[in-house]
């Protein structure tokens, strides 16, 4: 039988691996998607580390258990910053495409593509 912790850890691992794979691609759009996926994986990891508290007050009270609001605050802040950063990176990628005429991260077409294009 599979536990919920194993399922969450596996999901975070798959999203992280997919993000790393996309970052290592040669074009700008997969790199942007990979960075976004890595951000999502980190957010879920931080949120999962905060644990799920049942019957716990979100605000300090006279007695009893209280939920830790720090992971939720960190994730909310990370979502806002990640959205702004993603917009900025997309703008940089569009500007790079306009300036270089290529959407490769180094601004140059691969040599194999140029040889195939020349032979056609």
Protein backbone atom coordinates (compact mmCIF):
# COMPACT_ATOMS: atom_id res chain seq x y z
CA UNK A 1 0.00 0.00 0.00
CA UNK A 2 1.31 3.43 -0.97
CA UNK A 3 1.43 6.24 1.57
CA UNK A 4 0.52 9.83 0.89
CA UNK A 5 4.04 10.93 1.80
CA UNK A 6 5.49 8.64 -0.87
CA UNK A 7 3.01 9.98 -3.42
CA UNK A 8 3.84 13.63 -2.66
CA UNK A 9 7.60 12.94 -2.66
CA UNK A 10 7.31 11.07 -5.98
CA UNK A 11 5.30 13.90 -7.50
CA UNK A 12 7.84 16.49 -6.38
CA UNK A 13 10.64 14.30 -7.78
CA UNK A 14 8.93 13.90 -11.16
CA UNK A 15 8.24 17.63 -11.48
CA UNK A 16 11.83 18.44 -10.46
CA UNK A 17 13.28 15.94 -12.95
CA UNK A 18 11.06 17.30 -15.72
CA UNK A 19 12.12 20.86 -14.87
CA UNK A 20 15.81 19.95 -14.97
CA UNK A 21 15.35 18.12 -18.29
CA UNK A 22 13.65 21.17 -19.81
CA UNK A 23 16.31 23.54 -18.49
CA UNK A 24 18.98 21.48 -20.26
CA UNK A 25 17.23 21.84 -23.63
CA UNK A 26 18.72 24.16 -26.24
CA UNK A 27 15.78 26.47 -26.88
CA UNK A 28 14.52 29.31 -24.72
CA UNK A 29 10.87 28.30 -24.32
CA UNK A 30 11.63 24.89 -22.72
CA UNK A 31 14.13 26.64 -20.42
CA UNK A 32 11.41 29.04 -19.26
CA UNK A 33 9.01 26.14 -18.68
CA UNK A 34 11.70 24.20 -16.82
CA UNK A 35 12.39 27.14 -14.51
CA UNK A 36 8.67 27.44 -13.81
CA UNK A 37 8.38 23.73 -13.05
CA UNK A 38 11.33 23.90 -10.67
CA UNK A 39 9.64 26.82 -8.91
CA UNK A 40 6.42 24.82 -8.58
CA UNK A 41 8.33 21.82 -7.20
CA UNK A 42 10.05 23.98 -4.59
CA UNK A 43 6.72 25.56 -3.60
CA UNK A 44 5.07 22.17 -3.11
CA UNK A 45 8.13 20.98 -1.15
CA UNK A 46 8.00 23.99 1.18
CA UNK A 47 4.25 23.61 1.60
CA UNK A 48 4.57 19.89 2.35
CA UNK A 49 7.28 20.54 4.95
CA UNK A 50 4.82 22.71 6.87
CA UNK A 51 2.66 19.63 7.55
CA UNK A 52 -1.11 19.52 7.56
CA UNK A 53 -2.49 20.44 10.94
CA UNK A 54 -5.99 19.30 11.85
CA UNK A 55 -7.99 21.02 14.60
CA UNK A 56 -5.27 23.65 15.01
CA UNK A 57 -5.98 27.35 15.18
CA UNK A 58 -4.27 29.51 12.53
CA UNK A 59 -3.97 32.35 15.06
CA UNK A 60 -2.42 32.27 18.54
CA UNK A 61 -4.99 31.53 21.17
CA UNK A 62 -5.04 30.91 24.93
CA UNK A 63 -4.33 27.22 24.62
CA UNK A 64 -4.21 24.25 22.29
CA UNK A 65 -2.27 23.58 19.14
CA UNK A 66 -1.58 26.20 16.52
CA UNK A 67 -0.78 25.77 12.84
CA UNK A 68 2.50 27.11 11.50
CA UNK A 69 1.68 29.97 9.07
CA UNK A 70 5.27 30.38 7.84
CA UNK A 71 5.19 27.77 5.00
CA UNK A 72 1.99 29.26 3.59
CA UNK A 73 3.44 32.77 3.75
CA UNK A 74 6.67 31.65 2.07
CA UNK A 75 4.82 29.84 -0.73
CA UNK A 76 2.48 32.78 -1.34
CA UNK A 77 5.44 35.14 -1.56
CA UNK A 78 7.31 32.70 -3.84
CA UNK A 79 4.31 32.46 -6.18
CA UNK A 80 4.18 36.23 -6.62
CA UNK A 81 7.94 36.56 -7.12
CA UNK A 82 7.98 33.53 -9.46
CA UNK A 83 5.24 35.03 -11.61
CA UNK A 84 7.11 38.32 -11.96
CA UNK A 85 10.40 36.54 -12.68
CA UNK A 86 8.76 34.32 -15.31
CA UNK A 87 7.36 37.39 -17.07
CA UNK A 88 10.79 39.00 -17.03
CA UNK A 89 12.51 35.86 -18.39
CA UNK A 90 9.92 35.57 -21.18
CA UNK A 91 10.61 39.18 -22.13
CA UNK A 92 14.35 38.49 -22.16
CA UNK A 93 13.79 35.42 -24.36
CA UNK A 94 11.66 37.43 -26.80
CA UNK A 95 14.28 40.19 -26.93
CA UNK A 96 17.04 37.64 -27.51
CA UNK A 97 15.03 36.07 -30.34
CA UNK A 98 14.56 39.49 -31.91
CA UNK A 99 18.24 40.45 -31.59
CA UNK A 100 19.86 37.16 -32.66
CA UNK A 101 17.20 35.72 -34.96
CA UNK A 102 17.40 32.40 -33.10
CA UNK A 103 15.63 31.00 -30.06
CA UNK A 104 18.58 28.90 -28.93
CA UNK A 105 19.92 29.80 -25.51
CA UNK A 106 23.39 30.53 -26.90
CA UNK A 107 22.02 32.46 -29.89
CA UNK A 108 23.46 30.08 -32.50
CA UNK A 109 21.88 27.31 -34.52
CA UNK A 110 23.37 23.84 -34.00
CA UNK A 111 25.99 22.83 -36.60
CA UNK A 112 24.08 19.71 -37.66
CA UNK A 113 21.03 21.81 -38.52
CA UNK A 114 23.12 24.18 -40.65
CA UNK A 115 24.70 21.26 -42.55
CA UNK A 116 21.28 19.71 -43.26
CA UNK A 117 19.95 23.10 -44.37
CA UNK A 118 22.92 23.67 -46.70
CA UNK A 119 22.60 20.23 -48.31
CA UNK A 120 18.88 20.69 -49.05
